[in-house]
């Protein structure tokens, strides 16, 4: 009789919105969790990009590796670190992981776990909230730019003069 337990291989996904943000906190916590649970980290997928962006190279790589069953479970710090693309896309990604037989777990939201009985309800609610937060951030940015314009400050990227355009 073989009593050796299979060690679970973990894919860690971490995302930060800006280069100046500190994703090391997420990674340190997730690594520590894996060590305490006696999990083996297969790979750490780290993106420095907005969660609403569809151009996330490491996220895409992680999903491709999941489709090939290169790891057993995806671990992320929080649902909004995984994606902010809205309810449908979030559910679609989690369903894809399910279809690949990859379990998933949010470290900070213990109820987001593919073994929980209310996973679909909780995930719908949280992904809706993540999308609403993205919308609110955009509204705050636009309000800040409008206020700056009222104070005769122009935001955004500097315009190129005609000479630079000709050189380009």
N, C-alpha and C. Protein backbone atom coordinates (compact mmCIF):
# COMPACT_ATOMS: atom_id res chain seq x y z
N UNK A 1 0.85 -1.19 0.00
CA UNK A 1 0.00 0.00 0.00
C UNK A 1 0.89 1.24 0.00
N UNK A 2 0.63 2.17 -0.91
CA UNK A 2 1.41 3.39 -1.03
C UNK A 2 0.79 4.47 -0.14
N UNK A 3 1.51 4.89 0.88
CA UNK A 3 0.99 5.89 1.82
C UNK A 3 1.55 7.29 1.54
N UNK A 4 2.35 7.39 0.49
CA UNK A 4 2.93 8.69 0.16
C UNK A 4 1.86 9.61 -0.41
N UNK A 5 1.69 10.79 0.19
CA UNK A 5 0.71 11.76 -0.27
C UNK A 5 1.29 12.58 -1.41
N UNK A 6 0.43 12.94 -2.34
CA UNK A 6 0.84 13.79 -3.45
C UNK A 6 1.00 15.21 -2.94
N UNK A 7 2.12 15.82 -3.22
CA UNK A 7 2.34 17.21 -2.84
C UNK A 7 1.66 18.10 -3.87
N UNK A 8 0.84 19.02 -3.38
CA UNK A 8 0.09 19.90 -4.27
C UNK A 8 1.02 20.95 -4.86
N UNK A 9 0.99 21.07 -6.20
CA UNK A 9 1.75 22.09 -6.91
C UNK A 9 0.87 23.33 -7.07
N UNK A 10 1.43 24.47 -6.71
CA UNK A 10 0.69 25.73 -6.68
C UNK A 10 1.22 26.70 -7.73
N UNK A 11 0.29 27.32 -8.43
CA UNK A 11 0.61 28.47 -9.26
C UNK A 11 0.17 29.70 -8.48
N UNK A 12 1.07 30.63 -8.28
CA UNK A 12 0.72 31.87 -7.57
C UNK A 12 0.56 32.97 -8.61
N UNK A 13 -0.56 33.72 -8.51
CA UNK A 13 -0.75 34.86 -9.39
C UNK A 13 -0.78 36.13 -8.54
N UNK A 14 0.06 37.09 -8.93
CA UNK A 14 0.13 38.37 -8.24
C UNK A 14 0.07 39.47 -9.29
N UNK A 15 -0.71 40.50 -8.99
CA UNK A 15 -0.83 41.62 -9.91
C UNK A 15 -0.79 42.93 -9.15
N UNK A 16 -0.01 43.86 -9.68
CA UNK A 16 -0.01 45.22 -9.15
C UNK A 16 -0.30 46.16 -10.31
N UNK A 17 -0.87 47.32 -10.01
CA UNK A 17 -1.27 48.23 -11.08
C UNK A 17 -0.13 49.11 -11.58
N UNK A 18 0.83 49.40 -10.72
CA UNK A 18 1.91 50.29 -11.10
C UNK A 18 3.24 49.70 -10.67
N UNK A 19 4.28 50.08 -11.41
CA UNK A 19 5.63 49.62 -11.09
C UNK A 19 6.03 50.04 -9.68
N UNK A 20 5.50 51.19 -9.21
CA UNK A 20 5.87 51.70 -7.89
C UNK A 20 5.15 50.96 -6.75
N UNK A 21 4.11 50.20 -7.08
CA UNK A 21 3.40 49.45 -6.05
C UNK A 21 4.28 48.31 -5.56
N UNK A 22 3.98 47.82 -4.39
CA UNK A 22 4.80 46.77 -3.79
C UNK A 22 4.06 45.44 -3.82
N UNK A 23 4.41 44.59 -4.79
CA UNK A 23 3.77 43.28 -4.83
C UNK A 23 4.52 42.26 -3.98
N UNK A 24 5.66 42.66 -3.44
CA UNK A 24 6.42 41.73 -2.59
C UNK A 24 5.61 41.33 -1.37
N UNK A 25 4.77 42.23 -0.85
CA UNK A 25 3.93 41.87 0.29
C UNK A 25 3.02 40.71 -0.06
N UNK A 26 2.35 40.80 -1.22
CA UNK A 26 1.49 39.70 -1.66
C UNK A 26 2.30 38.41 -1.77
N UNK A 27 3.42 38.48 -2.44
CA UNK A 27 4.22 37.28 -2.69
C UNK A 27 4.74 36.66 -1.40
N UNK A 28 5.21 37.50 -0.48
CA UNK A 28 5.73 36.97 0.79
C UNK A 28 4.64 36.24 1.56
N UNK A 29 3.45 36.81 1.60
CA UNK A 29 2.34 36.19 2.33
C UNK A 29 1.94 34.88 1.67
N UNK A 30 1.84 34.87 0.34
CA UNK A 30 1.43 33.66 -0.38
C UNK A 30 2.49 32.56 -0.28
N UNK A 31 3.76 32.96 -0.34
CA UNK A 31 4.84 31.96 -0.18
C UNK A 31 4.80 31.34 1.21
N UNK A 32 4.60 32.19 2.21
CA UNK A 32 4.53 31.71 3.59
C UNK A 32 3.36 30.75 3.77
N UNK A 33 2.23 31.08 3.19
CA UNK A 33 1.06 30.22 3.26
C UNK A 33 1.37 28.85 2.63
N UNK A 34 1.99 28.86 1.48
CA UNK A 34 2.34 27.60 0.80
C UNK A 34 3.29 26.77 1.67
N UNK A 35 4.24 27.43 2.29
CA UNK A 35 5.18 26.70 3.15
C UNK A 35 4.45 26.06 4.33
N UNK A 36 3.55 26.82 4.96
CA UNK A 36 2.81 26.29 6.11
C UNK A 36 1.90 25.13 5.72
N UNK A 37 1.37 25.17 4.50
CA UNK A 37 0.46 24.12 4.03
C UNK A 37 1.23 22.96 3.39
N UNK A 38 2.55 23.08 3.31
CA UNK A 38 3.40 22.07 2.69
C UNK A 38 3.09 21.90 1.20
N UNK A 39 2.81 23.04 0.54
CA UNK A 39 2.57 23.06 -0.90
C UNK A 39 3.88 23.37 -1.60
N UNK A 40 4.02 22.86 -2.81
CA UNK A 40 5.19 23.18 -3.64
C UNK A 40 4.78 24.24 -4.65
N UNK A 41 5.51 25.34 -4.69
CA UNK A 41 5.20 26.41 -5.64
C UNK A 41 5.78 26.01 -6.99
N UNK A 42 4.89 25.86 -7.97
CA UNK A 42 5.32 25.54 -9.33
C UNK A 42 5.91 26.77 -10.00
N UNK A 43 5.16 27.91 -9.93
CA UNK A 43 5.61 29.13 -10.59
C UNK A 43 4.85 30.32 -10.01
N UNK A 44 5.51 31.48 -10.01
CA UNK A 44 4.89 32.73 -9.60
C UNK A 44 4.67 33.59 -10.83
N UNK A 45 3.42 33.83 -11.15
CA UNK A 45 3.04 34.65 -12.30
C UNK A 45 2.78 36.06 -11.78
N UNK A 46 3.55 37.04 -12.24
CA UNK A 46 3.46 38.40 -11.71
C UNK A 46 3.27 39.39 -12.87
N UNK A 47 2.18 40.13 -12.82
CA UNK A 47 1.90 41.18 -13.81
C UNK A 47 1.95 42.54 -13.14
N UNK A 48 2.47 43.54 -13.87
CA UNK A 48 2.43 44.93 -13.44
C UNK A 48 1.56 45.65 -14.46
N UNK A 49 0.24 45.61 -14.21
CA UNK A 49 -0.72 46.15 -15.17
C UNK A 49 -2.08 46.27 -14.48
N UNK A 50 -2.94 47.10 -15.01
CA UNK A 50 -4.29 47.24 -14.47
C UNK A 50 -5.04 45.92 -14.55
N UNK A 51 -5.83 45.64 -13.54
CA UNK A 51 -6.62 44.40 -13.52
C UNK A 51 -7.72 44.38 -14.55
N UNK A 52 -8.09 45.54 -15.08
CA UNK A 52 -9.11 45.61 -16.11
C UNK A 52 -8.55 45.41 -17.51
N UNK A 53 -7.24 45.40 -17.61
CA UNK A 53 -6.59 45.23 -18.90
C UNK A 53 -6.71 43.80 -19.40
N UNK A 54 -6.89 43.66 -20.70
CA UNK A 54 -6.91 42.32 -21.29
C UNK A 54 -5.51 41.90 -21.73
N UNK A 55 -4.56 42.81 -21.65
CA UNK A 55 -3.18 42.52 -22.04
C UNK A 55 -2.34 42.28 -20.78
N UNK A 56 -2.46 41.07 -20.23
CA UNK A 56 -1.70 40.70 -19.04
C UNK A 56 -0.91 39.44 -19.38
N UNK A 57 0.35 39.60 -19.78
CA UNK A 57 1.13 38.46 -20.28
C UNK A 57 1.25 37.30 -19.29
N UNK A 58 1.50 37.60 -18.03
CA UNK A 58 1.67 36.51 -17.06
C UNK A 58 0.34 35.85 -16.73
N UNK A 59 -0.74 36.61 -16.75
CA UNK A 59 -2.06 36.02 -16.55
C UNK A 59 -2.35 35.04 -17.69
N UNK A 60 -2.08 35.46 -18.92
CA UNK A 60 -2.30 34.59 -20.08
C UNK A 60 -1.42 33.34 -20.00
N UNK A 61 -0.18 33.52 -19.58
CA UNK A 61 0.73 32.37 -19.42
C UNK A 61 0.21 31.42 -18.35
N UNK A 62 -0.29 32.01 -17.25
CA UNK A 62 -0.83 31.20 -16.16
C UNK A 62 -2.02 30.38 -16.64
N UNK A 63 -2.93 30.99 -17.40
CA UNK A 63 -4.09 30.27 -17.91
C UNK A 63 -3.67 29.16 -18.89
N UNK A 64 -2.66 29.44 -19.69
CA UNK A 64 -2.17 28.40 -20.61
C UNK A 64 -1.55 27.23 -19.83
N UNK A 65 -0.75 27.55 -18.82
CA UNK A 65 -0.17 26.49 -17.98
C UNK A 65 -1.26 25.70 -17.25
N UNK A 66 -2.31 26.40 -16.84
CA UNK A 66 -3.44 25.71 -16.18
C UNK A 66 -4.09 24.73 -17.14
N UNK A 67 -4.24 25.15 -18.40
CA UNK A 67 -4.86 24.26 -19.39
C UNK A 67 -4.03 23.00 -19.61
N UNK A 68 -2.74 23.10 -19.33
CA UNK A 68 -1.83 21.95 -19.49
C UNK A 68 -1.62 21.21 -18.17
N UNK A 69 -2.36 21.64 -17.12
CA UNK A 69 -2.28 21.02 -15.78
C UNK A 69 -0.86 21.02 -15.21
N UNK A 70 -0.16 22.13 -15.39
CA UNK A 70 1.21 22.23 -14.86
C UNK A 70 1.22 22.47 -13.36
N UNK A 71 0.07 22.85 -12.80
CA UNK A 71 -0.06 23.00 -11.36
C UNK A 71 -1.45 22.53 -10.97
N UNK A 72 -1.66 22.32 -9.66
CA UNK A 72 -2.92 21.77 -9.17
C UNK A 72 -3.88 22.83 -8.65
N UNK A 73 -3.32 23.92 -8.11
CA UNK A 73 -4.17 24.96 -7.53
C UNK A 73 -3.58 26.33 -7.85
N UNK A 74 -4.48 27.28 -8.15
CA UNK A 74 -4.08 28.67 -8.34
C UNK A 74 -4.38 29.41 -7.04
N UNK A 75 -3.36 30.09 -6.52
CA UNK A 75 -3.49 30.86 -5.30
C UNK A 75 -3.25 32.32 -5.63
N UNK A 76 -4.17 33.19 -5.22
CA UNK A 76 -4.01 34.62 -5.42
C UNK A 76 -4.38 35.33 -4.13
N UNK A 77 -3.90 36.56 -3.96
CA UNK A 77 -4.09 37.27 -2.70
C UNK A 77 -5.55 37.67 -2.49
N UNK A 78 -6.18 38.22 -3.53
CA UNK A 78 -7.58 38.64 -3.46
C UNK A 78 -8.15 38.63 -4.87
N UNK A 79 -9.46 38.53 -4.97
CA UNK A 79 -10.10 38.45 -6.28
C UNK A 79 -9.77 39.66 -7.15
N UNK A 80 -9.68 40.85 -6.54
CA UNK A 80 -9.37 42.03 -7.35
C UNK A 80 -7.92 42.04 -7.83
N UNK A 81 -7.08 41.21 -7.27
CA UNK A 81 -5.72 41.04 -7.77
C UNK A 81 -5.71 40.09 -8.97
N UNK A 82 -6.71 39.21 -9.04
CA UNK A 82 -6.81 38.28 -10.17
C UNK A 82 -7.35 39.02 -11.40
N UNK A 83 -8.47 39.73 -11.23
CA UNK A 83 -9.06 40.47 -12.35
C UNK A 83 -10.04 41.50 -11.85
N UNK A 84 -10.22 42.53 -12.67
CA UNK A 84 -11.26 43.53 -12.44
C UNK A 84 -12.06 43.73 -13.72
N UNK A 85 -12.24 42.66 -14.46
CA UNK A 85 -12.92 42.75 -15.75
C UNK A 85 -14.44 42.57 -15.63
N UNK A 86 -14.96 42.41 -14.44
CA UNK A 86 -16.39 42.27 -14.27
C UNK A 86 -16.82 40.84 -14.00
N UNK A 87 -18.10 40.71 -13.68
CA UNK A 87 -18.65 39.43 -13.25
C UNK A 87 -18.48 38.34 -14.29
N UNK A 88 -18.91 38.60 -15.52
CA UNK A 88 -18.87 37.54 -16.54
C UNK A 88 -17.47 37.02 -16.79
N UNK A 89 -16.53 37.94 -16.97
CA UNK A 89 -15.15 37.51 -17.26
C UNK A 89 -14.54 36.78 -16.06
N UNK A 90 -14.80 37.27 -14.86
CA UNK A 90 -14.27 36.61 -13.67
C UNK A 90 -14.81 35.19 -13.56
N UNK A 91 -16.12 35.06 -13.72
CA UNK A 91 -16.74 33.74 -13.66
C UNK A 91 -16.19 32.87 -14.79
N UNK A 92 -16.00 33.45 -15.96
CA UNK A 92 -15.46 32.70 -17.09
C UNK A 92 -14.07 32.16 -16.77
N UNK A 93 -13.21 33.00 -16.19
CA UNK A 93 -11.86 32.55 -15.85
C UNK A 93 -11.90 31.43 -14.81
N UNK A 94 -12.73 31.61 -13.79
CA UNK A 94 -12.81 30.60 -12.74
C UNK A 94 -13.44 29.31 -13.27
N UNK A 95 -14.38 29.43 -14.19
CA UNK A 95 -14.96 28.24 -14.81
C UNK A 95 -13.93 27.51 -15.67
N UNK A 96 -13.09 28.28 -16.36
CA UNK A 96 -12.02 27.66 -17.15
C UNK A 96 -11.08 26.87 -16.23
N UNK A 97 -10.72 27.46 -15.09
CA UNK A 97 -9.87 26.74 -14.15
C UNK A 97 -10.55 25.46 -13.70
N UNK A 98 -11.85 25.56 -13.39
CA UNK A 98 -12.63 24.38 -13.02
C UNK A 98 -12.59 23.33 -14.12
N UNK A 99 -12.79 23.77 -15.36
CA UNK A 99 -12.77 22.85 -16.50
C UNK A 99 -11.42 22.17 -16.66
N UNK A 100 -10.35 22.88 -16.30
CA UNK A 100 -9.00 22.31 -16.38
C UNK A 100 -8.67 21.45 -15.15
N UNK A 101 -9.64 21.32 -14.24
CA UNK A 101 -9.44 20.60 -12.97
C UNK A 101 -8.37 21.26 -12.10
N UNK A 102 -8.32 22.58 -12.16
CA UNK A 102 -7.42 23.37 -11.31
C UNK A 102 -8.29 24.00 -10.22
N UNK A 103 -7.96 23.75 -8.98
CA UNK A 103 -8.68 24.42 -7.91
C UNK A 103 -8.10 25.83 -7.75
N UNK A 104 -8.83 26.70 -7.09
CA UNK A 104 -8.37 28.06 -6.89
C UNK A 104 -8.73 28.52 -5.49
N UNK A 105 -7.94 29.47 -5.01
CA UNK A 105 -8.15 29.95 -3.65
C UNK A 105 -7.67 31.39 -3.54
N UNK A 106 -8.51 32.20 -2.89
CA UNK A 106 -8.12 33.56 -2.55
C UNK A 106 -7.60 33.54 -1.12
N UNK A 107 -6.39 34.02 -0.92
CA UNK A 107 -5.81 34.00 0.42
C UNK A 107 -6.60 34.87 1.39
N UNK A 108 -6.93 36.09 0.99
CA UNK A 108 -7.56 37.02 1.92
C UNK A 108 -9.08 36.89 1.99
N UNK A 109 -9.66 36.15 1.06
CA UNK A 109 -11.10 35.92 1.05
C UNK A 109 -11.31 34.41 1.12
N UNK A 110 -11.23 33.88 2.32
CA UNK A 110 -11.21 32.44 2.53
C UNK A 110 -12.42 31.72 1.93
N UNK A 111 -13.52 32.45 1.74
CA UNK A 111 -14.72 31.84 1.19
C UNK A 111 -14.65 31.68 -0.32
N UNK A 112 -13.64 32.30 -0.98
CA UNK A 112 -13.45 32.09 -2.42
C UNK A 112 -12.47 30.93 -2.57
N UNK A 113 -13.07 29.79 -2.70
CA UNK A 113 -12.33 28.54 -2.72
C UNK A 113 -13.17 27.59 -3.56
N UNK A 114 -12.57 26.93 -4.51
CA UNK A 114 -13.36 26.12 -5.43
C UNK A 114 -13.98 24.90 -4.78
N UNK A 115 -13.74 24.70 -3.51
CA UNK A 115 -14.41 23.59 -2.82
C UNK A 115 -15.60 24.07 -1.99
N UNK A 116 -15.82 25.37 -1.92
CA UNK A 116 -16.92 25.91 -1.13
C UNK A 116 -18.27 25.78 -1.84
N UNK A 117 -19.35 25.60 -1.08
CA UNK A 117 -20.66 25.37 -1.69
C UNK A 117 -21.29 26.65 -2.23
N UNK A 118 -20.89 27.83 -1.73
CA UNK A 118 -21.47 29.08 -2.21
C UNK A 118 -20.51 29.84 -3.11
N UNK A 119 -19.56 29.15 -3.71
CA UNK A 119 -18.52 29.84 -4.47
C UNK A 119 -19.07 30.73 -5.58
N UNK A 120 -20.06 30.26 -6.35
CA UNK A 120 -20.56 31.05 -7.48
C UNK A 120 -21.25 32.33 -7.02
N UNK A 121 -22.00 32.28 -5.94
CA UNK A 121 -22.69 33.46 -5.43
C UNK A 121 -21.68 34.49 -4.94
N UNK A 122 -20.74 34.05 -4.15
CA UNK A 122 -19.72 34.95 -3.59
C UNK A 122 -18.89 35.57 -4.70
N UNK A 123 -18.47 34.75 -5.66
CA UNK A 123 -17.62 35.24 -6.74
C UNK A 123 -18.37 36.27 -7.58
N UNK A 124 -19.64 36.05 -7.88
CA UNK A 124 -20.43 37.03 -8.63
C UNK A 124 -20.49 38.36 -7.89
N UNK A 125 -20.76 38.30 -6.62
CA UNK A 125 -20.84 39.52 -5.82
C UNK A 125 -19.50 40.26 -5.79
N UNK A 126 -18.43 39.54 -5.51
CA UNK A 126 -17.13 40.19 -5.40
C UNK A 126 -16.61 40.73 -6.72
N UNK A 127 -16.84 40.00 -7.81
CA UNK A 127 -16.37 40.50 -9.10
C UNK A 127 -17.17 41.73 -9.52
N UNK A 128 -18.46 41.78 -9.16
CA UNK A 128 -19.26 42.98 -9.42
C UNK A 128 -18.71 44.16 -8.64
N UNK A 129 -18.35 43.92 -7.39
CA UNK A 129 -17.78 44.99 -6.57
C UNK A 129 -16.44 45.45 -7.13
N UNK A 130 -15.62 44.52 -7.62
CA UNK A 130 -14.32 44.89 -8.19
C UNK A 130 -14.51 45.76 -9.43
N UNK A 131 -15.49 45.41 -10.28
CA UNK A 131 -15.77 46.22 -11.46
C UNK A 131 -16.27 47.60 -11.05
N UNK A 132 -17.15 47.67 -10.05
CA UNK A 132 -17.64 48.96 -9.59
C UNK A 132 -16.51 49.83 -9.05
N UNK A 133 -15.56 49.23 -8.37
CA UNK A 133 -14.40 49.98 -7.87
C UNK A 133 -13.59 50.53 -9.03
N UNK A 134 -13.40 49.74 -10.08
CA UNK A 134 -12.69 50.21 -11.27
C UNK A 134 -13.41 51.42 -11.87
N UNK A 135 -14.73 51.35 -11.95
CA UNK A 135 -15.53 52.45 -12.48
C UNK A 135 -15.38 53.69 -11.60
N UNK A 136 -15.43 53.50 -10.28
CA UNK A 136 -15.28 54.63 -9.34
C UNK A 136 -13.90 55.27 -9.46
N UNK A 137 -12.87 54.46 -9.64
CA UNK A 137 -11.52 55.02 -9.81
C UNK A 137 -11.49 55.90 -11.05
N UNK A 138 -12.07 55.42 -12.15
CA UNK A 138 -12.13 56.22 -13.38
C UNK A 138 -12.87 57.52 -13.18
N UNK A 139 -13.99 57.46 -12.45
CA UNK A 139 -14.76 58.67 -12.17
C UNK A 139 -13.95 59.67 -11.35
N UNK A 140 -13.21 59.17 -10.37
CA UNK A 140 -12.38 60.06 -9.53
C UNK A 140 -11.27 60.69 -10.34
N UNK A 141 -10.68 59.92 -11.24
CA UNK A 141 -9.62 60.47 -12.09
C UNK A 141 -10.18 61.57 -12.98
N UNK A 142 -11.31 61.29 -13.62
CA UNK A 142 -11.92 62.30 -14.50
C UNK A 142 -12.31 63.56 -13.71
N UNK A 143 -12.83 63.39 -12.50
CA UNK A 143 -13.18 64.54 -11.67
C UNK A 143 -11.93 65.34 -11.30
N UNK A 144 -10.85 64.65 -10.99
CA UNK A 144 -9.60 65.33 -10.67
C UNK A 144 -9.04 66.10 -11.85
N UNK A 145 -9.15 65.52 -13.05
CA UNK A 145 -8.68 66.22 -14.25
C UNK A 145 -9.55 67.45 -14.54
N UNK A 146 -10.87 67.32 -14.33
CA UNK A 146 -11.76 68.47 -14.54
C UNK A 146 -11.43 69.59 -13.57
N UNK A 147 -11.17 69.23 -12.33
CA UNK A 147 -10.81 70.24 -11.33
C UNK A 147 -9.49 70.91 -11.69
N UNK A 148 -8.54 70.13 -12.17
CA UNK A 148 -7.25 70.69 -12.57
C UNK A 148 -7.43 71.66 -13.74
N UNK A 149 -8.29 71.29 -14.71
CA UNK A 149 -8.55 72.19 -15.85
C UNK A 149 -9.18 73.50 -15.38
N UNK A 150 -10.05 73.42 -14.38
CA UNK A 150 -10.67 74.63 -13.84
C UNK A 150 -9.61 75.54 -13.22
N UNK A 151 -8.52 74.95 -12.72
CA UNK A 151 -7.42 75.71 -12.13
C UNK A 151 -6.34 76.00 -13.17
N UNK A 152 -6.70 75.86 -14.46
CA UNK A 152 -5.81 76.16 -15.59
C UNK A 152 -4.58 75.26 -15.63
N UNK A 153 -4.72 74.04 -15.13
CA UNK A 153 -3.66 73.04 -15.26
C UNK A 153 -4.12 72.02 -16.28
N UNK A 154 -3.22 71.65 -17.15
CA UNK A 154 -3.55 70.67 -18.17
C UNK A 154 -2.87 69.35 -17.80
N UNK A 155 -3.66 68.31 -17.69
CA UNK A 155 -3.09 67.01 -17.35
C UNK A 155 -2.86 66.18 -18.60
N UNK A 156 -2.39 65.02 -18.38
CA UNK A 156 -2.19 64.09 -19.50
C UNK A 156 -0.80 64.18 -20.09
N UNK A 157 -0.66 63.50 -21.19
CA UNK A 157 0.61 63.42 -21.89
C UNK A 157 0.89 64.74 -22.61
N UNK A 158 2.14 65.24 -22.56
CA UNK A 158 2.46 66.48 -23.29
C UNK A 158 2.27 66.27 -24.79
N UNK A 159 1.80 67.31 -25.45
CA UNK A 159 1.61 67.24 -26.90
C UNK A 159 2.96 67.35 -27.60
N UNK A 160 3.07 66.67 -28.71
CA UNK A 160 4.29 66.76 -29.53
C UNK A 160 4.17 67.96 -30.46
N UNK A 161 5.30 68.67 -30.62
CA UNK A 161 5.26 69.77 -31.58
C UNK A 161 5.46 69.22 -32.99
N UNK A 162 5.22 70.05 -33.98
CA UNK A 162 5.27 69.62 -35.39
C UNK A 162 6.65 69.09 -35.77
N UNK A 163 7.74 69.69 -35.23
CA UNK A 163 9.09 69.23 -35.56
C UNK A 163 9.30 67.78 -35.12
N UNK A 164 8.85 67.46 -33.93
CA UNK A 164 9.00 66.08 -33.43
C UNK A 164 8.16 65.11 -34.26
N UNK A 165 6.98 65.57 -34.65
CA UNK A 165 6.11 64.71 -35.45
C UNK A 165 6.78 64.42 -36.80
N UNK A 166 7.38 65.45 -37.41
CA UNK A 166 8.07 65.26 -38.68
C UNK A 166 9.25 64.29 -38.54
N UNK A 167 10.00 64.41 -37.44
CA UNK A 167 11.14 63.50 -37.22
C UNK A 167 10.68 62.06 -37.06
N UNK A 168 9.58 61.89 -36.38
CA UNK A 168 9.03 60.54 -36.17
C UNK A 168 8.59 59.96 -37.50
